[in-house]
Amino acid sequence: MSYHVLARKWRPRTFQEMVGQEPILRMLINALDNQRLHHAYLFTGTRGVGKTSLARILAKCLNCETSITSKPCGACKTCQAIDAGKFLDLFEIDAASRTKVEDTRELLESVPYPPTQGRYKIYLIDEVHMLSNHSFNALLKTLEEPPPHVKFLLATTDPKRLPVTILSRCLQFNLTRVSVEKMVSQLQHICTTEAIPFELSALQLLAKAADGSMRDALSLLDQAIAFCHTNITTVETRQMLGGIEQDVVVRLLDALANQDGKQLLEEINHLAECSPDFNQVLEDLLSMLHQINIAQVIDSKAPEPIQQMAKRFSAEDIQLYYQIGLIGRRDLSLAPNPHQGFEMALLRMLAFHPIVTEKKTSPETAKMVTTQHNPSPLLQEKYNSSESLHQEINIQNWAAILPKLELSGMTLALASHCTITNTADNKIELALAAKHESLLNKKLLERIEQALCRYLNKTIKLEIKTAATDILTPSKQQQEEQTKQHANATRTIQSDTHVQKIMDLFNATLDINSIKAID
């Protein structure tokens, strides 16, 4: 007996066997049960999500000898003939190989004649977007008003290429990608039924690699069975797919966090010894960077390595590394070899840093804030009751101590948009500029509080409230200072005699936006 590949052996034969697509199944089942049948159905979606399978099941539902039903018996001659591809009234056409208008006219010549075996003549046209414009025009009239005994079932992966005149004559059903969870469940069921030992994590790798296509997942399962021989293991499956262990990505990120070029190159060389798919490695790295950034923004239940990395990198670093990784993956095919392209992408991450992470409040800003802020009488009164705390931090020196807190990224951004309003009883109150209220969250507040505790060497409670009025913060003061410096630099250049001569000689104008003040 010849071997049947899993994608064919486990092709759904009833609506109940379909994986995913619940909303579409519900609509079709209700339509069949209520006998509200349209004459043309269009199934769209990416490869391997069940378009053709769904059309064949619908053909069985319409022609089952029991009745028009959403649950075909599967035992009558009609159902068996459709499953075997031998039903005379089911015309399954591959539009990619019959694109000419002559082929379409030849097909339509049989439309007026009644079915020979079943209740309906079914025209299943796969990849219908491949038909020529003349073929579509020839199909229009028949598709709009077909005989009562004819149903059209169209399938395509690219509905945008269909004329609107075709789309308007069909009921359109867009099949979505199958989720990883549903694919894993189906693969688990198949392996159990076929008596194939497996590791659940190996099936998860196959499902992720299938990218939403159930057919691709079954083809990969066939490949894994052949590769792993007796037992589908995670290690062998990852090796087959060209992937790597998560620990390898963690070690690469650890080297980046340590700013250790030697460690980074050693990890890359060890990785290269396994002959991985470097494109897949970059994809895994990008995926982990995404998880780290999510963990930085919300208190997610991320794995321990992700949580640790979220504390070691700033949000700006993660954003920069992610962008470098995307560009590196895009340009990987342009490198002399994938190993070199991957290595250069990671060395680029090591070399570049966002300006924001190194941005400190300048001494000039601290001085200006110090001279322009005066404590209110109310705060002066409370100062007397908490003198020890106020000796370290007060309204006047917030901008000066901000760099000493060693904050970075979003935490530094939040702190620089605040100003102190009260210090009393081991409690510090900050006011946050209203337009930056979106920066405030529990995790960033805790980081500032911990930094203050380390700086003061004591336990304090931090509270941040949104200010009702406009306030002068270190960030705003620094912006004002930069604006002033830019204005001074612009005036200096505009009054320079050499610059004026060059402008007169070439009839040029001065690009003010290109002027930058030199520290």
Protein backbone atom coordinates (compact mmCIF):
# COMPACT_ATOMS: atom_id res chain seq x y z
CA MET A 1 0.00 0.00 0.00
CA SER A 2 1.43 3.41 -0.99
CA TYR A 3 2.21 5.95 1.70
CA HIS A 4 -0.06 9.00 1.94
CA VAL A 5 1.58 12.20 3.11
CA LEU A 6 0.08 13.63 6.28
CA ALA A 7 -1.23 16.76 4.53
CA ARG A 8 -3.43 14.55 2.29
CA LYS A 9 -4.24 11.86 4.84
CA TRP A 10 -5.42 14.38 7.42
CA ARG A 11 -7.22 16.74 5.03
CA PRO A 12 -10.52 17.73 6.72
CA ARG A 13 -13.61 15.95 5.34
CA THR A 14 -16.22 17.63 7.52
CA PHE A 15 -16.66 21.07 9.06
CA GLN A 16 -15.96 19.54 12.47
CA GLU A 17 -12.50 18.40 11.36
CA MET A 18 -11.45 21.88 10.23
CA VAL A 19 -8.71 23.51 12.35
CA GLY A 20 -9.64 27.09 13.24
CA GLN A 21 -11.88 29.32 11.05
CA GLU A 22 -14.77 29.13 13.57
CA PRO A 23 -16.62 32.29 12.39
CA ILE A 24 -16.66 31.10 8.77
CA LEU A 25 -17.76 27.62 9.74
CA ARG A 26 -20.58 29.09 11.80
CA MET A 27 -21.84 31.14 8.84
CA LEU A 28 -21.73 28.21 6.42
CA ILE A 29 -23.37 25.79 8.85
CA ASN A 30 -26.21 28.24 9.58
CA ALA A 31 -26.71 28.90 5.86
CA LEU A 32 -26.93 25.16 5.11
CA ASP A 33 -29.23 24.42 8.04
CA ASN A 34 -31.55 27.27 7.04
CA GLN A 35 -31.35 26.49 3.31
CA ARG A 36 -30.12 30.02 2.54
CA LEU A 37 -27.70 29.11 -0.25
CA HIS A 38 -25.84 31.62 -2.38
CA HIS A 39 -24.79 30.75 -5.91
CA ALA A 40 -21.14 31.92 -5.59
CA TYR A 41 -18.69 31.66 -2.70
CA LEU A 42 -15.19 33.15 -2.61
CA PHE A 43 -12.66 31.76 -0.10
CA THR A 44 -9.55 33.89 0.44
CA GLY A 45 -6.50 33.51 2.67
CA THR A 46 -2.85 32.53 2.72
CA ARG A 47 -1.60 29.11 1.67
CA GLY A 48 -2.57 26.02 3.61
CA VAL A 49 -5.38 27.46 5.77
CA GLY A 50 -8.18 25.31 4.29
CA LYS A 51 -9.68 27.17 1.31
CA THR A 52 -9.90 24.20 -1.07
CA SER A 53 -10.75 21.78 1.74
CA LEU A 54 -13.61 24.00 2.83
CA ALA A 55 -14.90 24.24 -0.74
CA ARG A 56 -14.86 20.43 -1.10
CA ILE A 57 -16.70 19.98 2.18
CA LEU A 58 -19.31 22.49 1.01
CA ALA A 59 -19.66 20.53 -2.25
CA LYS A 60 -20.37 17.39 -0.17
CA CYS A 61 -22.90 19.25 1.95
CA LEU A 62 -24.76 20.36 -1.17
CA ASN A 63 -24.75 16.94 -2.85
CA CYS A 64 -24.95 14.44 0.01
CA GLU A 65 -27.60 11.83 -0.84
CA THR A 66 -29.24 12.20 2.56
CA SER A 67 -30.13 15.90 2.04
CA ILE A 68 -28.62 19.35 1.91
CA THR A 69 -26.94 19.30 5.31
CA SER A 70 -24.08 20.79 7.30
CA LYS A 71 -23.13 17.24 8.37
CA PRO A 72 -22.65 15.08 5.25
CA CYS A 73 -22.78 11.38 5.94
CA GLY A 74 -19.47 10.56 4.27
CA ALA A 75 -20.76 7.05 3.52
CA CYS A 76 -22.95 7.54 0.43
CA LYS A 77 -21.56 7.17 -3.09
CA THR A 78 -21.59 10.93 -3.66
CA CYS A 79 -19.58 11.76 -0.52
CA GLN A 80 -17.09 8.99 -1.24
CA ALA A 81 -16.75 10.08 -4.88
CA ILE A 82 -16.05 13.69 -3.83
CA ASP A 83 -13.45 12.52 -1.28
CA ALA A 84 -11.80 10.41 -3.97
CA GLY A 85 -11.95 13.22 -6.54
CA LYS A 86 -14.14 11.18 -8.90
CA PHE A 87 -17.47 12.98 -8.65
CA LEU A 88 -18.63 13.85 -12.18
CA ASP A 89 -20.53 17.01 -11.16
CA LEU A 90 -17.60 18.55 -9.30
CA PHE A 91 -15.40 20.43 -11.75
CA GLU A 92 -12.17 21.36 -9.97
CA ILE A 93 -10.14 23.74 -12.13
CA ASP A 94 -6.66 25.16 -11.55
CA ALA A 95 -6.95 28.69 -12.93
CA ALA A 96 -3.17 29.05 -13.06
CA SER A 97 -3.01 26.48 -15.87
CA ARG A 98 -6.21 27.60 -17.64
CA THR A 99 -5.90 31.36 -17.85
CA LYS A 100 -7.10 31.93 -21.43
CA VAL A 101 -10.59 33.11 -22.30
CA GLU A 102 -11.02 30.06 -24.56
CA ASP A 103 -10.61 27.77 -21.54
CA THR A 104 -13.23 29.73 -19.61
CA ARG A 105 -15.73 29.66 -22.49
CA GLU A 106 -15.20 25.91 -22.88
CA LEU A 107 -15.92 25.49 -19.18
CA LEU A 108 -19.07 27.60 -19.31
CA GLU A 109 -20.50 25.61 -22.21
CA SER A 110 -21.49 22.83 -19.81
CA VAL A 111 -23.19 25.17 -17.32
CA PRO A 112 -26.74 25.02 -18.83
CA TYR A 113 -26.89 21.23 -18.70
CA PRO A 114 -28.29 19.61 -15.52
CA PRO A 115 -26.05 17.52 -13.21
CA THR A 116 -25.60 13.86 -14.06
CA GLN A 117 -25.08 12.41 -10.57
CA GLY A 118 -25.73 14.92 -7.85
CA ARG A 119 -28.08 17.68 -6.84
CA TYR A 120 -25.81 20.54 -7.99
CA LYS A 121 -23.02 21.05 -10.49
CA ILE A 122 -20.12 22.54 -8.57
CA TYR A 123 -17.43 24.62 -10.29
CA LEU A 124 -14.45 24.89 -7.94
CA ILE A 125 -11.92 27.33 -9.43
CA ASP A 126 -8.65 27.42 -7.45
CA GLU A 127 -6.25 30.39 -7.65
CA VAL A 128 -8.97 32.28 -9.50
CA HIS A 129 -6.91 35.50 -9.51
CA MET A 130 -4.74 33.94 -12.24
CA LEU A 131 -7.51 34.22 -14.84
CA SER A 132 -7.03 36.84 -17.56
CA ASN A 133 -9.22 39.96 -17.76
CA HIS A 134 -11.02 38.50 -20.79
CA SER A 135 -11.72 35.32 -18.81
CA PHE A 136 -13.21 37.35 -15.97
CA ASN A 137 -15.39 39.23 -18.44
CA ALA A 138 -16.61 35.96 -19.95
CA LEU A 139 -17.46 34.70 -16.47
CA LEU A 140 -19.38 37.76 -15.28
CA LYS A 141 -22.85 37.10 -16.69
CA THR A 142 -22.92 33.43 -15.73
CA LEU A 143 -21.57 34.21 -12.26
CA GLU A 144 -24.30 36.80 -11.72
CA GLU A 145 -27.26 34.68 -12.85
CA PRO A 146 -26.29 31.01 -13.03
CA PRO A 147 -28.85 28.23 -13.49
CA PRO A 148 -30.45 26.97 -10.25
CA HIS A 149 -28.45 23.72 -10.39
CA VAL A 150 -25.02 25.47 -10.51
CA LYS A 151 -22.81 26.68 -7.65
CA PHE A 152 -19.48 28.46 -8.04
CA LEU A 153 -16.79 28.00 -5.37
CA LEU A 154 -13.77 30.24 -5.93
CA ALA A 155 -10.50 30.20 -3.98
CA THR A 156 -7.58 32.64 -4.08
CA THR A 157 -4.56 33.75 -2.09
CA ASP A 158 -4.67 37.24 -3.62
CA PRO A 159 -8.20 38.73 -3.65
CA LYS A 160 -6.84 42.19 -4.49
CA ARG A 161 -6.18 41.00 -8.03
CA LEU A 162 -9.84 40.12 -8.58
CA PRO A 163 -12.04 42.67 -10.38
CA VAL A 164 -14.61 44.34 -8.16
CA THR A 165 -17.27 43.05 -10.54
CA ILE A 166 -16.33 39.50 -9.51
CA LEU A 167 -16.09 40.33 -5.81
CA SER A 168 -19.54 41.96 -5.81
CA ARG A 169 -21.14 38.76 -7.18
CA CYS A 170 -19.74 36.47 -4.46
CA LEU A 171 -20.06 35.87 -0.76
CA GLN A 172 -16.50 36.41 0.44
CA PHE A 173 -14.99 34.45 3.33
CA ASN A 174 -11.48 35.41 4.49
CA LEU A 175 -9.73 32.49 6.15
CA THR A 176 -7.24 33.63 8.79
CA ARG A 177 -3.91 32.09 9.72
CA VAL A 178 -4.22 29.18 12.13
CA SER A 179 -2.93 30.01 15.61
CA VAL A 180 0.11 28.22 17.01
CA GLU A 181 -1.95 26.79 19.87
CA LYS A 182 -4.49 25.18 17.53
CA MET A 183 -1.79 23.81 15.26
CA VAL A 184 0.07 22.29 18.21
CA SER A 185 -3.15 20.66 19.41
CA GLN A 186 -3.79 19.18 15.94
CA LEU A 187 -0.18 17.98 15.57
CA GLN A 188 -0.38 16.42 19.02
CA HIS A 189 -3.58 14.60 18.05
CA ILE A 190 -2.04 13.35 14.78
CA CYS A 191 1.16 12.09 16.46
CA THR A 192 -0.86 10.32 19.14
CA THR A 193 -3.11 8.69 16.53
CA GLU A 194 -0.16 7.69 14.34
CA ALA A 195 1.72 6.33 17.40
CA ILE A 196 4.67 8.69 16.88
CA PRO A 197 6.59 9.64 20.07
CA PHE A 198 7.15 13.39 20.38
CA GLU A 199 8.16 16.23 22.65
CA LEU A 200 5.57 18.99 22.96
CA SER A 201 8.18 21.74 22.58
CA ALA A 202 9.25 20.16 19.26
CA LEU A 203 5.69 20.44 17.95
CA GLN A 204 5.61 24.08 19.08
CA LEU A 205 8.71 24.74 16.97
CA LEU A 206 7.03 23.14 13.95
CA ALA A 207 3.86 25.19 14.47
CA LYS A 208 5.80 28.45 14.72
CA ALA A 209 7.80 27.61 11.58
CA ALA A 210 4.55 26.90 9.68
CA ASP A 211 3.60 30.59 9.99
CA GLY A 212 -0.15 30.02 10.25
CA SER A 213 -0.38 27.36 7.51
CA MET A 214 -1.77 24.02 8.68
CA ARG A 215 -0.60 22.31 5.50
CA ASP A 216 2.94 23.60 6.05
CA ALA A 217 2.81 22.32 9.62
CA LEU A 218 1.86 18.82 8.41
CA SER A 219 4.59 18.89 5.75
CA LEU A 220 7.13 19.92 8.40
CA LEU A 221 5.83 17.12 10.64
CA ASP A 222 6.44 14.65 7.82
CA GLN A 223 9.95 16.04 7.47
CA ALA A 224 10.57 15.85 11.22
CA ILE A 225 9.43 12.20 11.32
CA ALA A 226 11.93 11.36 8.59
CA PHE A 227 14.72 13.40 10.24
CA CYS A 228 14.19 12.24 13.84
CA HIS A 229 13.38 8.64 12.83
CA THR A 230 11.78 7.23 15.99
CA ASN A 231 11.13 10.16 18.33
CA ILE A 232 10.46 13.83 17.45
CA THR A 233 12.77 15.65 19.86
CA THR A 234 13.21 19.36 20.40
CA VAL A 235 16.97 19.33 19.76
CA GLU A 236 16.70 17.46 16.45
CA THR A 237 13.69 19.51 15.31
CA ARG A 238 15.52 22.75 15.99
CA GLN A 239 18.52 21.37 14.12
CA MET A 240 16.28 20.45 11.17
CA LEU A 241 14.73 23.93 11.09
CA GLY A 242 18.11 25.64 11.43
CA GLY A 243 17.15 27.20 14.76
CA ILE A 244 19.10 27.52 18.01
CA GLU A 245 18.53 27.17 21.74
CA GLN A 246 17.15 30.20 23.56
CA ASP A 247 20.21 30.11 25.83
CA VAL A 248 22.40 31.02 22.84
CA VAL A 249 20.41 34.22 22.23
CA VAL A 250 20.59 35.01 25.95
CA ARG A 251 24.40 34.65 25.87
CA LEU A 252 24.62 36.97 22.85
CA LEU A 253 22.52 39.59 24.65
CA ASP A 254 24.62 39.09 27.79
CA ALA A 255 27.74 39.99 25.80
CA LEU A 256 25.99 43.09 24.43
CA ALA A 257 24.89 44.10 27.93
CA ASN A 258 28.47 43.68 29.20
CA GLN A 259 29.81 45.66 26.22
CA ASP A 260 32.30 42.81 25.81
CA GLY A 261 33.38 42.49 22.18
CA LYS A 262 35.61 39.47 22.86
CA GLN A 263 32.77 37.58 24.55
CA LEU A 264 30.41 38.48 21.72
CA LEU A 265 32.77 37.19 19.01
CA GLU A 266 33.41 33.97 20.96
CA GLU A 267 29.67 33.32 21.22
CA ILE A 268 29.20 33.98 17.50
CA ASN A 269 32.05 31.60 16.62
CA HIS A 270 30.62 28.87 18.86
CA LEU A 271 27.28 29.40 17.19
CA ALA A 272 28.83 29.17 13.71
CA GLU A 273 30.23 25.72 14.54
CA CYS A 274 26.64 24.41 14.59
CA SER A 275 26.03 25.71 11.03
CA PRO A 276 22.76 27.48 11.94
CA ASP A 277 20.45 29.42 9.66
CA PHE A 278 21.69 32.92 10.55
CA ASN A 279 18.51 34.46 9.18
CA GLN A 280 16.57 32.35 11.69
CA VAL A 281 19.01 33.30 14.46
CA LEU A 282 18.39 36.99 13.77
CA GLU A 283 14.65 36.27 13.83
CA ASP A 284 15.02 34.59 17.26
CA LEU A 285 17.11 37.53 18.49
CA LEU A 286 14.47 40.03 17.30
CA SER A 287 11.75 37.98 18.98
CA MET A 288 13.60 38.08 22.30
CA LEU A 289 14.24 41.83 22.00
CA HIS A 290 10.51 42.28 21.48
CA GLN A 291 9.75 40.24 24.61
CA ILE A 292 12.28 42.26 26.61
CA ASN A 293 10.74 45.56 25.52
CA ILE A 294 7.26 44.31 26.46
CA ALA A 295 8.58 43.29 29.89
CA GLN A 296 10.00 46.82 30.33
CA VAL A 297 6.66 48.46 29.57
CA ILE A 298 4.26 46.22 31.51
CA ASP A 299 4.53 43.82 34.41
CA SER A 300 4.24 40.70 32.24
CA LYS A 301 4.78 37.13 33.38
CA ALA A 302 7.88 36.80 31.24
CA PRO A 303 10.48 34.04 31.78
CA GLU A 304 13.28 34.83 34.20
CA PRO A 305 15.95 35.45 31.49
CA ILE A 306 13.66 38.01 29.84
CA GLN A 307 13.03 39.81 33.13
CA GLN A 308 16.75 39.92 33.91
CA MET A 309 17.58 41.35 30.48
CA ALA A 310 14.80 43.94 30.84
CA LYS A 311 16.66 45.35 33.84
CA ARG A 312 20.06 45.40 32.11
CA PHE A 313 19.03 47.25 28.94
CA SER A 314 17.38 50.62 28.53
CA ALA A 315 14.29 50.90 26.32
CA GLU A 316 16.32 53.00 23.86
CA ASP A 317 18.97 50.29 23.58
CA ILE A 318 16.33 47.67 22.82
CA GLN A 319 14.71 49.86 20.16
CA LEU A 320 18.09 50.53 18.53
CA TYR A 321 19.13 46.85 18.60
CA TYR A 322 15.77 45.83 17.13
CA GLN A 323 16.16 48.27 14.24
CA ILE A 324 19.75 47.16 13.60
CA GLY A 325 18.59 43.53 13.66
CA LEU A 326 15.83 44.25 11.13
CA ILE A 327 18.26 45.96 8.77
CA GLY A 328 20.82 43.20 9.28
CA ARG A 329 18.25 40.54 8.43
CA ARG A 330 17.14 42.47 5.35
CA ASP A 331 20.71 42.85 4.09
CA LEU A 332 21.95 39.39 5.11
CA SER A 333 21.80 38.13 1.51
CA LEU A 334 24.03 41.04 0.40
CA ALA A 335 26.89 40.07 2.73
CA PRO A 336 29.79 37.95 1.36
CA ASN A 337 28.43 35.13 3.55
CA PRO A 338 25.65 34.86 6.18
CA HIS A 339 28.12 34.35 9.04
CA GLN A 340 29.88 37.61 8.24
CA GLY A 341 26.61 39.49 7.79
CA PHE A 342 25.32 38.23 11.15
CA GLU A 343 28.60 39.09 12.87
CA MET A 344 28.61 42.63 11.52
CA ALA A 345 25.00 43.18 12.60
CA LEU A 346 25.86 42.29 16.21
CA LEU A 347 29.09 44.32 16.14
CA ARG A 348 27.00 47.25 14.94
CA MET A 349 24.76 46.79 18.00
CA LEU A 350 27.89 46.82 20.15
CA ALA A 351 29.21 50.01 18.55
CA PHE A 352 26.07 52.18 18.52
CA HIS A 353 24.19 53.67 21.44
CA PRO A 354 21.18 56.00 21.50
CA ILE A 355 22.06 59.55 22.45
CA VAL A 356 19.22 59.55 24.99
CA THR A 357 20.87 56.91 27.17
CA GLU A 358 23.96 59.06 27.60
CA LYS A 359 22.12 62.34 28.00
CA LYS A 360 22.83 63.98 31.33
CA THR A 361 21.49 67.16 32.85
CA SER A 362 24.19 69.75 32.18
CA PRO A 363 25.77 71.71 35.04
CA GLU A 364 24.48 74.93 33.43
CA THR A 365 20.91 73.58 33.57
CA ALA A 366 21.37 72.56 37.18
CA LYS A 367 22.72 76.02 38.00
CA MET A 368 19.86 77.82 36.25
CA VAL A 369 17.28 75.63 37.97
CA THR A 370 18.97 76.30 41.29
CA THR A 371 18.91 80.06 40.81
CA GLN A 372 15.34 80.26 39.54
CA HIS A 373 13.61 78.01 42.06
CA ASN A 374 12.73 79.21 45.55
CA PRO A 375 10.98 77.09 48.15
CA SER A 376 7.51 78.16 49.18
CA PRO A 377 6.85 79.11 52.82
CA LEU A 378 4.83 75.94 53.28
CA LEU A 379 7.69 73.79 52.10
CA GLN A 380 10.14 75.77 54.25
CA GLU A 381 7.99 75.00 57.28
CA LYS A 382 7.93 71.29 56.45
CA TYR A 383 11.68 71.43 55.88
CA ASN A 384 12.21 72.13 59.55
CA SER A 385 10.35 68.92 60.46
CA SER A 386 12.40 66.74 58.11
CA GLU A 387 15.79 68.45 58.09
CA SER A 388 17.89 65.34 57.60
CA LEU A 389 16.09 64.35 54.40
CA HIS A 390 15.97 67.91 53.11
CA GLN A 391 19.74 68.30 53.54
CA GLU A 392 20.15 65.73 50.78
CA ILE A 393 17.25 66.58 48.46
CA ASN A 394 15.23 69.74 48.10
CA ILE A 395 13.46 71.72 45.45
CA GLN A 396 16.58 73.68 44.61
CA ASN A 397 18.99 70.84 43.89
CA TRP A 398 16.77 68.28 42.06
CA ALA A 399 18.37 69.04 38.70
CA ALA A 400 21.84 68.79 40.24
CA ILE A 401 21.35 65.35 41.82
CA LEU A 402 19.43 63.89 38.87
CA PRO A 403 22.64 62.73 37.09
CA LYS A 404 23.85 61.14 40.34
CA LEU A 405 20.85 58.81 40.43
CA GLU A 406 22.30 56.96 37.40
CA LEU A 407 18.95 56.72 35.65
CA SER A 408 18.60 55.99 31.95
CA GLY A 409 16.03 55.51 29.22
CA MET A 410 12.37 56.04 30.04
CA THR A 411 13.15 56.26 33.77
CA LEU A 412 15.43 59.27 33.19
CA ALA A 413 12.86 60.81 30.86
CA LEU A 414 10.16 60.56 33.55
CA ALA A 415 12.39 61.99 36.29
CA SER A 416 13.58 64.89 34.12
CA HIS A 417 9.98 65.95 33.48
CA CYS A 418 9.31 66.21 37.24
CA THR A 419 10.09 68.71 39.95
CA ILE A 420 10.05 68.30 43.74
CA THR A 421 7.04 69.73 45.58
CA ASN A 422 7.54 68.31 49.07
CA THR A 423 10.05 66.41 51.23
CA ALA A 424 8.87 65.35 54.66
CA ASP A 425 8.86 62.30 56.94
CA ASN A 426 11.01 60.16 54.61
CA LYS A 427 8.62 60.91 51.81
CA ILE A 428 9.35 62.76 48.57
CA GLU A 429 6.61 64.16 46.36
CA LEU A 430 7.26 64.98 42.71
CA ALA A 431 5.05 66.92 40.32
CA LEU A 432 4.94 65.67 36.72
CA ALA A 433 4.28 67.97 33.77
CA ALA A 434 0.74 67.21 32.57
CA LYS A 435 1.68 66.72 28.91
CA HIS A 436 4.06 63.91 29.92
CA GLU A 437 1.52 62.05 32.06
CA SER A 438 1.70 59.04 29.70
CA LEU A 439 5.26 58.33 30.92
CA LEU A 440 4.08 57.52 34.43
CA ASN A 441 3.73 53.87 35.35
CA LYS A 442 4.37 51.75 38.41
CA LYS A 443 7.60 50.16 37.18
CA LEU A 444 9.32 53.48 36.34
CA LEU A 445 8.19 55.02 39.64
CA GLU A 446 9.72 52.07 41.52
CA ARG A 447 13.02 52.51 39.66
CA ILE A 448 13.24 56.20 40.61
CA GLU A 449 12.33 55.35 44.21
CA GLN A 450 15.04 52.67 44.37
CA ALA A 451 17.60 55.08 42.91
CA LEU A 452 16.71 57.69 45.55
CA CYS A 453 17.02 55.07 48.30
CA ARG A 454 20.49 54.14 47.07
CA TYR A 455 21.53 57.79 46.79
CA LEU A 456 20.25 58.73 50.27
CA ASN A 457 21.25 55.38 51.79
CA LYS A 458 17.87 55.19 53.50
CA THR A 459 14.35 53.99 52.79
CA ILE A 460 12.06 56.65 51.39
CA LYS A 461 8.59 56.67 49.85
CA LEU A 462 8.17 58.36 46.46
CA GLU A 463 4.91 59.76 45.13
CA ILE A 464 4.45 61.36 41.70
CA LYS A 465 1.39 63.50 40.93
CA THR A 466 0.39 65.27 37.75
CA ALA A 467 0.73 69.04 38.05
CA ALA A 468 -2.37 71.08 37.29
CA THR A 469 -0.31 74.03 36.05
CA ASP A 470 2.81 74.41 33.94
CA ILE A 471 5.97 73.66 35.93
CA LEU A 472 9.67 74.28 35.36
CA THR A 473 11.42 70.89 35.16
CA PRO A 474 15.07 70.04 34.40
CA SER A 475 14.02 68.83 30.95
CA LYS A 476 12.14 72.04 30.15
CA GLN A 477 15.01 74.13 31.51
CA GLN A 478 17.47 72.24 29.34
CA GLN A 479 15.27 72.75 26.27
CA GLU A 480 15.13 76.47 26.97
CA GLU A 481 18.90 76.54 27.38
CA GLN A 482 19.41 74.68 24.08
CA THR A 483 17.04 77.08 22.33
CA LYS A 484 19.00 80.01 23.71
CA GLN A 485 22.32 78.47 22.64
CA HIS A 486 20.95 77.81 19.16
CA ALA A 487 19.76 81.41 18.87
CA ASN A 488 23.18 82.70 19.95
CA ALA A 489 24.94 80.39 17.48
CA THR A 490 22.61 81.51 14.68
CA ARG A 491 23.28 85.18 15.39
CA THR A 492 27.02 84.55 15.48
CA ILE A 493 27.02 82.82 12.10
CA GLN A 494 24.69 85.37 10.50
CA SER A 495 26.95 88.22 11.58
CA ASP A 496 30.15 86.50 10.44
CA THR A 497 31.66 88.47 7.55
CA HIS A 498 33.08 85.37 5.84
CA VAL A 499 29.71 83.67 5.85
CA GLN A 500 28.08 86.81 4.41
CA LYS A 501 30.63 86.96 1.60
CA ILE A 502 30.03 83.29 0.70
CA MET A 503 26.26 83.86 0.69
CA ASP A 504 26.63 86.90 -1.58
CA LEU A 505 29.05 85.10 -3.90
CA PHE A 506 26.83 82.06 -4.45
CA ASN A 507 23.48 83.78 -3.92
CA ALA A 508 22.91 81.29 -1.08
CA THR A 509 20.64 81.23 1.93
CA LEU A 510 21.47 80.08 5.41
CA ASP A 511 19.80 76.82 6.59
CA ILE A 512 19.05 77.75 10.19
CA ASN A 513 17.88 74.23 11.09
CA SER A 514 21.34 72.85 10.31
CA ILE A 515 23.04 75.05 12.89
CA LYS A 516 24.06 73.31 16.09
CA ALA A 517 25.58 74.87 19.17
CA ILE A 518 29.03 73.53 20.17
CA ASP A 519 29.41 72.67 23.83
